[in-house]
Amino acid sequence: MVRALVVIVAMVALAFLPCAVALLITHADELAERVWRACRRGCRRAYARAVDYKVMRGRPSKTLPEVPNGPPIEQVAADLRRLSRQRLGIAMRSTVWFAAVQRAYDERLQQACLSLGVDQHLPDLDGLDRDIERVRIEGELQAAGLVLGSVDADRRQDHC
């Protein structure tokens, strides 16, 4: 009885083996990309925890620069406001302009996140996921005190 059961299980496994291999092959790229993103996020978080631990223990980390790299946060905020207006205005006339303005806006968002210590994953995403991440980052930057919308735009929204 046990031998018959083992033979039946072996035959079923052999019958479904080609299907499993085909499924694995069709989704291998997607699986590899997800694993790669998870590993990168894990490494970033582990590094951030190690830096925080060193700073909290009173030992400054050698990797933290004493002089900030890049432009001042005020300049980054002004650039973000300018690029945001362009994304809604002249950039809509041409797909090439829109792509260039969007790319510049994303780079400035990344600089602002780096300056304010906000976690972001823009380089890892594209399409709708990237748009959602952009909105999330904008909200976190505003919560951190960065003014992204111009005063005139906020007044116009209040009156409408």
N, C-alpha and C. Protein backbone atom coordinates (compact mmCIF):
# COMPACT_ATOMS: atom_id res chain seq x y z
N MET A 1 0.82 -1.19 0.00
CA MET A 1 0.00 0.00 0.00
C MET A 1 0.87 1.27 0.00
N VAL A 2 1.91 1.28 0.82
CA VAL A 2 2.79 2.43 0.91
C VAL A 2 3.55 2.62 -0.40
N ARG A 3 3.97 1.50 -1.01
CA ARG A 3 4.69 1.60 -2.27
C ARG A 3 3.80 2.18 -3.37
N ALA A 4 2.57 1.78 -3.39
CA ALA A 4 1.63 2.29 -4.40
C ALA A 4 1.43 3.79 -4.21
N LEU A 5 1.32 4.23 -2.97
CA LEU A 5 1.15 5.66 -2.68
C LEU A 5 2.39 6.46 -3.11
N VAL A 6 3.58 5.92 -2.85
CA VAL A 6 4.82 6.58 -3.25
C VAL A 6 4.90 6.65 -4.77
N VAL A 7 4.52 5.62 -5.46
CA VAL A 7 4.56 5.60 -6.92
C VAL A 7 3.58 6.63 -7.49
N ILE A 8 2.40 6.72 -6.91
CA ILE A 8 1.40 7.69 -7.39
C ILE A 8 1.91 9.13 -7.17
N VAL A 9 2.47 9.41 -6.00
CA VAL A 9 3.00 10.75 -5.70
C VAL A 9 4.15 11.07 -6.66
N ALA A 10 5.01 10.11 -6.94
CA ALA A 10 6.12 10.33 -7.85
C ALA A 10 5.61 10.62 -9.27
N MET A 11 4.59 9.92 -9.72
CA MET A 11 4.05 10.14 -11.06
C MET A 11 3.39 11.52 -11.16
N VAL A 12 2.67 11.92 -10.12
CA VAL A 12 2.04 13.24 -10.12
C VAL A 12 3.12 14.32 -10.14
N ALA A 13 4.18 14.14 -9.35
CA ALA A 13 5.27 15.12 -9.32
C ALA A 13 5.93 15.23 -10.69
N LEU A 14 6.15 14.12 -11.35
CA LEU A 14 6.75 14.14 -12.69
C LEU A 14 5.82 14.80 -13.71
N ALA A 15 4.53 14.62 -13.53
CA ALA A 15 3.58 15.22 -14.48
C ALA A 15 3.56 16.74 -14.34
N PHE A 16 3.68 17.25 -13.12
CA PHE A 16 3.61 18.70 -12.90
C PHE A 16 4.97 19.40 -12.94
N LEU A 17 6.04 18.65 -13.03
CA LEU A 17 7.38 19.24 -13.07
C LEU A 17 7.58 20.19 -14.26
N PRO A 18 7.18 19.83 -15.48
CA PRO A 18 7.34 20.78 -16.60
C PRO A 18 6.55 22.07 -16.39
N CYS A 19 5.37 21.98 -15.80
CA CYS A 19 4.57 23.18 -15.53
C CYS A 19 5.28 24.07 -14.52
N ALA A 20 5.85 23.49 -13.49
CA ALA A 20 6.56 24.27 -12.47
C ALA A 20 7.79 24.95 -13.06
N VAL A 21 8.52 24.24 -13.92
CA VAL A 21 9.70 24.82 -14.55
C VAL A 21 9.30 25.97 -15.47
N ALA A 22 8.24 25.79 -16.25
CA ALA A 22 7.77 26.85 -17.15
C ALA A 22 7.32 28.07 -16.35
N LEU A 23 6.63 27.87 -15.25
CA LEU A 23 6.19 28.97 -14.40
C LEU A 23 7.38 29.71 -13.82
N LEU A 24 8.38 28.98 -13.39
CA LEU A 24 9.58 29.59 -12.82
C LEU A 24 10.32 30.41 -13.87
N ILE A 25 10.41 29.90 -15.09
CA ILE A 25 11.12 30.61 -16.15
C ILE A 25 10.39 31.90 -16.53
N THR A 26 9.07 31.85 -16.61
CA THR A 26 8.32 33.04 -17.02
C THR A 26 8.37 34.15 -15.98
N HIS A 27 8.51 33.81 -14.71
CA HIS A 27 8.51 34.81 -13.66
C HIS A 27 9.87 34.99 -13.00
N ALA A 28 10.92 34.46 -13.57
CA ALA A 28 12.25 34.54 -12.96
C ALA A 28 12.75 35.97 -12.88
N ASP A 29 12.56 36.76 -13.94
CA ASP A 29 13.03 38.15 -13.92
C ASP A 29 12.34 38.95 -12.82
N GLU A 30 11.04 38.78 -12.71
CA GLU A 30 10.28 39.50 -11.69
C GLU A 30 10.71 39.09 -10.28
N LEU A 31 10.91 37.80 -10.08
CA LEU A 31 11.36 37.30 -8.78
C LEU A 31 12.75 37.83 -8.44
N ALA A 32 13.64 37.80 -9.41
CA ALA A 32 15.00 38.29 -9.17
C ALA A 32 15.00 39.77 -8.85
N GLU A 33 14.16 40.55 -9.53
CA GLU A 33 14.07 41.99 -9.27
C GLU A 33 13.54 42.26 -7.86
N ARG A 34 12.53 41.52 -7.44
CA ARG A 34 11.99 41.70 -6.09
C ARG A 34 13.02 41.35 -5.02
N VAL A 35 13.75 40.27 -5.24
CA VAL A 35 14.78 39.86 -4.28
C VAL A 35 15.88 40.92 -4.23
N TRP A 36 16.28 41.44 -5.39
CA TRP A 36 17.32 42.47 -5.44
C TRP A 36 16.88 43.73 -4.70
N ARG A 37 15.64 44.17 -4.91
CA ARG A 37 15.14 45.36 -4.20
C ARG A 37 15.09 45.14 -2.70
N ALA A 38 14.64 43.97 -2.28
CA ALA A 38 14.57 43.67 -0.85
C ALA A 38 15.95 43.66 -0.22
N CYS A 39 16.92 43.10 -0.92
CA CYS A 39 18.29 43.09 -0.40
C CYS A 39 18.85 44.50 -0.28
N ARG A 40 18.61 45.33 -1.29
CA ARG A 40 19.11 46.71 -1.24
C ARG A 40 18.47 47.48 -0.10
N ARG A 41 17.15 47.31 0.09
CA ARG A 41 16.47 48.00 1.19
C ARG A 41 17.00 47.52 2.53
N GLY A 42 17.24 46.23 2.65
CA GLY A 42 17.76 45.68 3.90
C GLY A 42 19.15 46.21 4.21
N CYS A 43 20.00 46.31 3.19
CA CYS A 43 21.36 46.83 3.39
C CYS A 43 21.31 48.29 3.80
N ARG A 44 20.44 49.08 3.17
CA ARG A 44 20.32 50.49 3.53
C ARG A 44 19.86 50.65 4.97
N ARG A 45 18.87 49.86 5.35
CA ARG A 45 18.35 49.97 6.73
C ARG A 45 19.40 49.54 7.74
N ALA A 46 20.13 48.48 7.44
CA ALA A 46 21.17 48.01 8.36
C ALA A 46 22.26 49.08 8.50
N TYR A 47 22.63 49.71 7.40
CA TYR A 47 23.64 50.77 7.44
C TYR A 47 23.13 51.96 8.26
N ALA A 48 21.87 52.34 8.04
CA ALA A 48 21.31 53.46 8.80
C ALA A 48 21.27 53.15 10.29
N ARG A 49 20.91 51.92 10.65
CA ARG A 49 20.90 51.54 12.07
C ARG A 49 22.30 51.58 12.65
N ALA A 50 23.30 51.13 11.89
CA ALA A 50 24.67 51.14 12.39
C ALA A 50 25.15 52.58 12.60
N VAL A 51 24.83 53.47 11.68
CA VAL A 51 25.22 54.88 11.83
C VAL A 51 24.52 55.48 13.03
N ASP A 52 23.21 55.22 13.18
CA ASP A 52 22.47 55.74 14.33
C ASP A 52 23.06 55.22 15.63
N TYR A 53 23.44 53.96 15.67
CA TYR A 53 24.00 53.37 16.88
C TYR A 53 25.31 54.05 17.26
N LYS A 54 26.17 54.30 16.27
CA LYS A 54 27.45 54.95 16.55
C LYS A 54 27.23 56.37 17.05
N VAL A 55 26.28 57.09 16.45
CA VAL A 55 26.02 58.46 16.86
C VAL A 55 25.43 58.48 18.27
N MET A 56 24.52 57.54 18.57
CA MET A 56 23.90 57.51 19.89
C MET A 56 24.91 57.12 20.97
N ARG A 57 25.90 56.35 20.64
CA ARG A 57 26.90 55.93 21.63
C ARG A 57 27.97 56.99 21.85
N GLY A 58 27.87 58.09 21.14
CA GLY A 58 28.82 59.17 21.33
C GLY A 58 30.03 59.09 20.43
N ARG A 59 30.06 58.10 19.58
CA ARG A 59 31.17 57.97 18.64
C ARG A 59 30.69 58.42 17.27
N PRO A 60 31.15 59.56 16.81
CA PRO A 60 30.68 59.99 15.50
C PRO A 60 31.16 59.04 14.40
N SER A 61 30.31 58.82 13.47
CA SER A 61 30.64 57.93 12.35
C SER A 61 31.60 58.63 11.39
N LYS A 62 32.54 57.88 10.86
CA LYS A 62 33.49 58.44 9.91
C LYS A 62 32.83 58.71 8.56
N THR A 63 31.69 58.06 8.31
CA THR A 63 31.04 58.23 7.02
C THR A 63 30.15 59.46 6.96
N LEU A 64 29.80 60.04 8.10
CA LEU A 64 28.95 61.22 8.09
C LEU A 64 29.81 62.46 7.82
N PRO A 65 29.52 63.19 6.78
CA PRO A 65 30.33 64.37 6.49
C PRO A 65 30.03 65.50 7.47
N GLU A 66 31.06 66.24 7.83
CA GLU A 66 30.87 67.38 8.72
C GLU A 66 30.30 68.55 7.93
N VAL A 67 30.73 68.70 6.69
CA VAL A 67 30.22 69.74 5.83
C VAL A 67 29.20 69.09 4.89
N PRO A 68 27.98 69.63 4.81
CA PRO A 68 26.98 68.98 3.96
C PRO A 68 27.38 69.00 2.49
N ASN A 69 27.13 67.89 1.83
CA ASN A 69 27.38 67.80 0.40
C ASN A 69 26.17 68.32 -0.35
N GLY A 70 26.41 68.97 -1.45
CA GLY A 70 25.31 69.45 -2.27
C GLY A 70 24.85 70.84 -1.87
N PRO A 71 23.81 71.31 -2.55
CA PRO A 71 23.32 72.67 -2.30
C PRO A 71 22.59 72.76 -0.96
N PRO A 72 22.43 73.97 -0.43
CA PRO A 72 21.67 74.13 0.81
C PRO A 72 20.21 73.75 0.61
N ILE A 73 19.56 73.37 1.69
CA ILE A 73 18.18 72.89 1.62
C ILE A 73 17.23 73.98 1.10
N GLU A 74 17.55 75.25 1.36
CA GLU A 74 16.71 76.34 0.85
C GLU A 74 16.73 76.37 -0.67
N GLN A 75 17.90 76.12 -1.25
CA GLN A 75 18.03 76.09 -2.71
C GLN A 75 17.29 74.89 -3.29
N VAL A 76 17.39 73.75 -2.61
CA VAL A 76 16.69 72.55 -3.07
C VAL A 76 15.18 72.78 -3.03
N ALA A 77 14.69 73.42 -1.95
CA ALA A 77 13.25 73.69 -1.84
C ALA A 77 12.80 74.65 -2.94
N ALA A 78 13.59 75.68 -3.22
CA ALA A 78 13.24 76.62 -4.29
C ALA A 78 13.21 75.91 -5.64
N ASP A 79 14.17 75.03 -5.88
CA ASP A 79 14.20 74.27 -7.13
C ASP A 79 12.98 73.36 -7.24
N LEU A 80 12.61 72.72 -6.14
CA LEU A 80 11.44 71.84 -6.15
C LEU A 80 10.17 72.63 -6.47
N ARG A 81 10.02 73.82 -5.89
CA ARG A 81 8.83 74.63 -6.18
C ARG A 81 8.82 75.06 -7.65
N ARG A 82 9.97 75.46 -8.16
CA ARG A 82 10.06 75.88 -9.56
C ARG A 82 9.75 74.72 -10.50
N LEU A 83 10.35 73.56 -10.23
CA LEU A 83 10.13 72.39 -11.09
C LEU A 83 8.69 71.89 -10.99
N SER A 84 8.08 72.04 -9.82
CA SER A 84 6.69 71.64 -9.66
C SER A 84 5.78 72.50 -10.54
N ARG A 85 6.04 73.80 -10.57
CA ARG A 85 5.25 74.68 -11.45
C ARG A 85 5.47 74.30 -12.91
N GLN A 86 6.71 73.98 -13.28
CA GLN A 86 6.99 73.62 -14.67
C GLN A 86 6.33 72.30 -15.05
N ARG A 87 6.26 71.37 -14.09
CA ARG A 87 5.59 70.09 -14.37
C ARG A 87 4.14 70.30 -14.74
N LEU A 88 3.50 71.29 -14.13
CA LEU A 88 2.09 71.56 -14.40
C LEU A 88 1.88 72.53 -15.55
N GLY A 89 2.93 73.24 -15.95
CA GLY A 89 2.79 74.27 -16.98
C GLY A 89 3.41 73.89 -18.29
N ILE A 90 4.60 74.44 -18.54
CA ILE A 90 5.21 74.29 -19.86
C ILE A 90 5.63 72.87 -20.18
N ALA A 91 5.87 72.06 -19.16
CA ALA A 91 6.33 70.69 -19.43
C ALA A 91 5.24 69.84 -20.06
N MET A 92 3.99 70.25 -19.94
CA MET A 92 2.89 69.46 -20.51
C MET A 92 2.79 69.63 -22.02
N ARG A 93 3.54 70.57 -22.59
CA ARG A 93 3.48 70.80 -24.03
C ARG A 93 4.21 69.72 -24.83
N SER A 94 5.22 69.11 -24.22
CA SER A 94 6.04 68.14 -24.94
C SER A 94 6.41 66.99 -24.01
N THR A 95 6.41 65.78 -24.52
CA THR A 95 6.78 64.64 -23.69
C THR A 95 8.26 64.67 -23.33
N VAL A 96 9.08 65.23 -24.22
CA VAL A 96 10.51 65.32 -23.94
C VAL A 96 10.74 66.30 -22.80
N TRP A 97 10.07 67.47 -22.85
CA TRP A 97 10.20 68.44 -21.77
C TRP A 97 9.69 67.86 -20.46
N PHE A 98 8.56 67.19 -20.53
CA PHE A 98 7.98 66.63 -19.31
C PHE A 98 8.93 65.61 -18.69
N ALA A 99 9.53 64.76 -19.50
CA ALA A 99 10.47 63.75 -18.98
C ALA A 99 11.68 64.42 -18.34
N ALA A 100 12.20 65.46 -18.98
CA ALA A 100 13.37 66.16 -18.43
C ALA A 100 13.03 66.85 -17.11
N VAL A 101 11.89 67.53 -17.07
CA VAL A 101 11.49 68.22 -15.83
C VAL A 101 11.21 67.21 -14.75
N GLN A 102 10.56 66.11 -15.08
CA GLN A 102 10.25 65.07 -14.09
C GLN A 102 11.53 64.47 -13.52
N ARG A 103 12.51 64.22 -14.37
CA ARG A 103 13.79 63.67 -13.92
C ARG A 103 14.50 64.65 -12.99
N ALA A 104 14.50 65.93 -13.35
CA ALA A 104 15.12 66.94 -12.49
C ALA A 104 14.38 67.06 -11.16
N TYR A 105 13.07 66.97 -11.20
CA TYR A 105 12.26 67.05 -9.97
C TYR A 105 12.59 65.87 -9.06
N ASP A 106 12.70 64.68 -9.63
CA ASP A 106 13.03 63.49 -8.84
C ASP A 106 14.43 63.60 -8.22
N GLU A 107 15.38 64.14 -8.97
CA GLU A 107 16.73 64.31 -8.42
C GLU A 107 16.72 65.28 -7.25
N ARG A 108 15.96 66.36 -7.36
CA ARG A 108 15.87 67.32 -6.25
C ARG A 108 15.13 66.72 -5.06
N LEU A 109 14.12 65.89 -5.32
CA LEU A 109 13.45 65.20 -4.21
C LEU A 109 14.43 64.30 -3.46
N GLN A 110 15.28 63.61 -4.21
CA GLN A 110 16.27 62.74 -3.58
C GLN A 110 17.27 63.55 -2.76
N GLN A 111 17.68 64.71 -3.26
CA GLN A 111 18.59 65.57 -2.49
C GLN A 111 17.92 66.06 -1.21
N ALA A 112 16.65 66.44 -1.30
CA ALA A 112 15.93 66.91 -0.11
C ALA A 112 15.80 65.78 0.91
N CYS A 113 15.52 64.57 0.44
CA CYS A 113 15.41 63.42 1.34
C CYS A 113 16.74 63.14 2.02
N LEU A 114 17.81 63.24 1.28
CA LEU A 114 19.14 63.03 1.84
C LEU A 114 19.45 64.09 2.90
N SER A 115 19.11 65.34 2.61
CA SER A 115 19.39 66.43 3.54
C SER A 115 18.56 66.32 4.82
N LEU A 116 17.31 65.87 4.70
CA LEU A 116 16.41 65.83 5.86
C LEU A 116 16.29 64.44 6.49
N GLY A 117 16.97 63.46 5.92
CA GLY A 117 16.95 62.12 6.49
C GLY A 117 15.65 61.37 6.27
N VAL A 118 14.98 61.64 5.16
CA VAL A 118 13.73 60.97 4.82
C VAL A 118 14.06 59.76 3.94
N ASP A 119 13.48 58.62 4.27
CA ASP A 119 13.72 57.39 3.52
C ASP A 119 12.96 57.46 2.19
N GLN A 120 13.63 57.14 1.09
CA GLN A 120 12.99 57.18 -0.22
C GLN A 120 13.51 56.03 -1.08
N HIS A 121 12.69 55.63 -2.06
CA HIS A 121 13.04 54.51 -2.94
C HIS A 121 12.78 54.86 -4.40
N LEU A 122 12.92 56.12 -4.77
CA LEU A 122 12.65 56.53 -6.15
C LEU A 122 13.50 55.80 -7.19
N PRO A 123 14.80 55.60 -6.98
CA PRO A 123 15.59 54.93 -8.03
C PRO A 123 15.15 53.50 -8.29
N ASP A 124 14.51 52.87 -7.30
CA ASP A 124 14.14 51.46 -7.43
C ASP A 124 12.81 51.26 -8.14
N LEU A 125 12.05 52.33 -8.35
CA LEU A 125 10.68 52.19 -8.85
C LEU A 125 10.52 52.87 -10.21
N ASP A 126 9.44 52.50 -10.90
CA ASP A 126 9.06 53.20 -12.12
C ASP A 126 7.56 53.05 -12.33
N GLY A 127 7.03 53.86 -13.23
CA GLY A 127 5.61 53.82 -13.53
C GLY A 127 4.76 54.36 -12.40
N LEU A 128 3.64 53.70 -12.17
CA LEU A 128 2.69 54.14 -11.14
C LEU A 128 3.30 54.04 -9.75
N ASP A 129 4.13 53.02 -9.52
CA ASP A 129 4.78 52.89 -8.21
C ASP A 129 5.66 54.10 -7.91
N ARG A 130 6.35 54.58 -8.93
CA ARG A 130 7.22 55.76 -8.75
C ARG A 130 6.38 57.01 -8.45
N ASP A 131 5.22 57.15 -9.13
CA ASP A 131 4.33 58.28 -8.87
C ASP A 131 3.82 58.25 -7.44
N ILE A 132 3.46 57.08 -6.96
CA ILE A 132 2.97 56.94 -5.58
C ILE A 132 4.08 57.25 -4.59
N GLU A 133 5.28 56.77 -4.86
CA GLU A 133 6.42 57.05 -3.99
C GLU A 133 6.73 58.55 -3.97
N ARG A 134 6.58 59.21 -5.11
CA ARG A 134 6.82 60.64 -5.20
C ARG A 134 5.83 61.40 -4.30
N VAL A 135 4.56 61.01 -4.33
CA VAL A 135 3.55 61.66 -3.48
C VAL A 135 3.86 61.40 -2.01
N ARG A 136 4.26 60.18 -1.68
CA ARG A 136 4.59 59.85 -0.28
C ARG A 136 5.77 60.69 0.21
N ILE A 137 6.78 60.81 -0.64
CA ILE A 137 7.97 61.59 -0.27
C ILE A 137 7.60 63.06 -0.08
N GLU A 138 6.77 63.59 -0.99
CA GLU A 138 6.36 64.98 -0.84
C GLU A 138 5.66 65.20 0.49
N GLY A 139 4.80 64.28 0.89
CA GLY A 139 4.11 64.39 2.17
C GLY A 139 5.08 64.33 3.35
N GLU A 140 6.05 63.42 3.29
CA GLU A 140 7.01 63.33 4.38
C GLU A 140 7.91 64.55 4.46
N LEU A 141 8.29 65.10 3.30
CA LEU A 141 9.11 66.31 3.30
C LEU A 141 8.33 67.49 3.87
N GLN A 142 7.05 67.58 3.53
CA GLN A 142 6.23 68.66 4.09
C GLN A 142 6.05 68.47 5.60
N ALA A 143 5.91 67.22 6.04
CA ALA A 143 5.80 66.95 7.48
C ALA A 143 7.10 67.30 8.20
N ALA A 144 8.23 67.20 7.48
CA ALA A 144 9.53 67.54 8.07
C ALA A 144 9.78 69.05 8.07
N GLY A 145 8.86 69.82 7.45
CA GLY A 145 8.99 71.27 7.49
C GLY A 145 9.38 71.92 6.18
N LEU A 146 9.53 71.15 5.13
CA LEU A 146 9.91 71.71 3.84
C LEU A 146 8.66 72.19 3.12
N VAL A 147 8.64 73.44 2.69
CA VAL A 147 7.49 74.01 1.99
C VAL A 147 7.68 73.74 0.51
N LEU A 148 6.83 72.88 -0.06
CA LEU A 148 6.96 72.52 -1.47
C LEU A 148 6.08 73.36 -2.38
N GLY A 149 4.89 73.75 -1.91
CA GLY A 149 4.00 74.55 -2.73
C GLY A 149 4.28 76.02 -2.52
N SER A 150 4.12 76.82 -3.58
CA SER A 150 4.32 78.26 -3.43
C SER A 150 3.15 78.86 -2.68
N VAL A 151 3.36 80.01 -2.08
CA VAL A 151 2.32 80.67 -1.29
C VAL A 151 1.15 81.04 -2.19
N ASP A 152 1.42 81.51 -3.41
CA ASP A 152 0.36 81.90 -4.33
C ASP A 152 -0.50 80.70 -4.70
N ALA A 153 0.12 79.53 -4.92
CA ALA A 153 -0.65 78.33 -5.28
C ALA A 153 -1.53 77.91 -4.13
N ASP A 154 -1.03 78.03 -2.90
CA ASP A 154 -1.83 77.66 -1.74
C ASP A 154 -3.03 78.60 -1.59
N ARG A 155 -2.82 79.90 -1.85
CA ARG A 155 -3.91 80.87 -1.76
C ARG A 155 -4.97 80.58 -2.83
N ARG A 156 -4.53 80.24 -4.05
CA ARG A 156 -5.47 79.94 -5.10
C ARG A 156 -6.29 78.71 -4.76
N GLN A 157 -5.69 77.72 -4.15
CA GLN A 157 -6.43 76.52 -3.77
C GLN A 157 -7.44 76.82 -2.68
N ASP A 158 -7.11 77.71 -1.75
CA ASP A 158 -8.02 78.06 -0.68
C ASP A 158 -9.26 78.78 -1.20
N HIS A 159 -9.09 79.62 -2.24
CA HIS A 159 -10.20 80.41 -2.76
C HIS A 159 -11.08 79.62 -3.71
N CYS A 160 -10.58 78.54 -4.27
CA CYS A 160 -11.37 77.75 -5.25
C CYS A 160 -12.36 76.87 -4.57
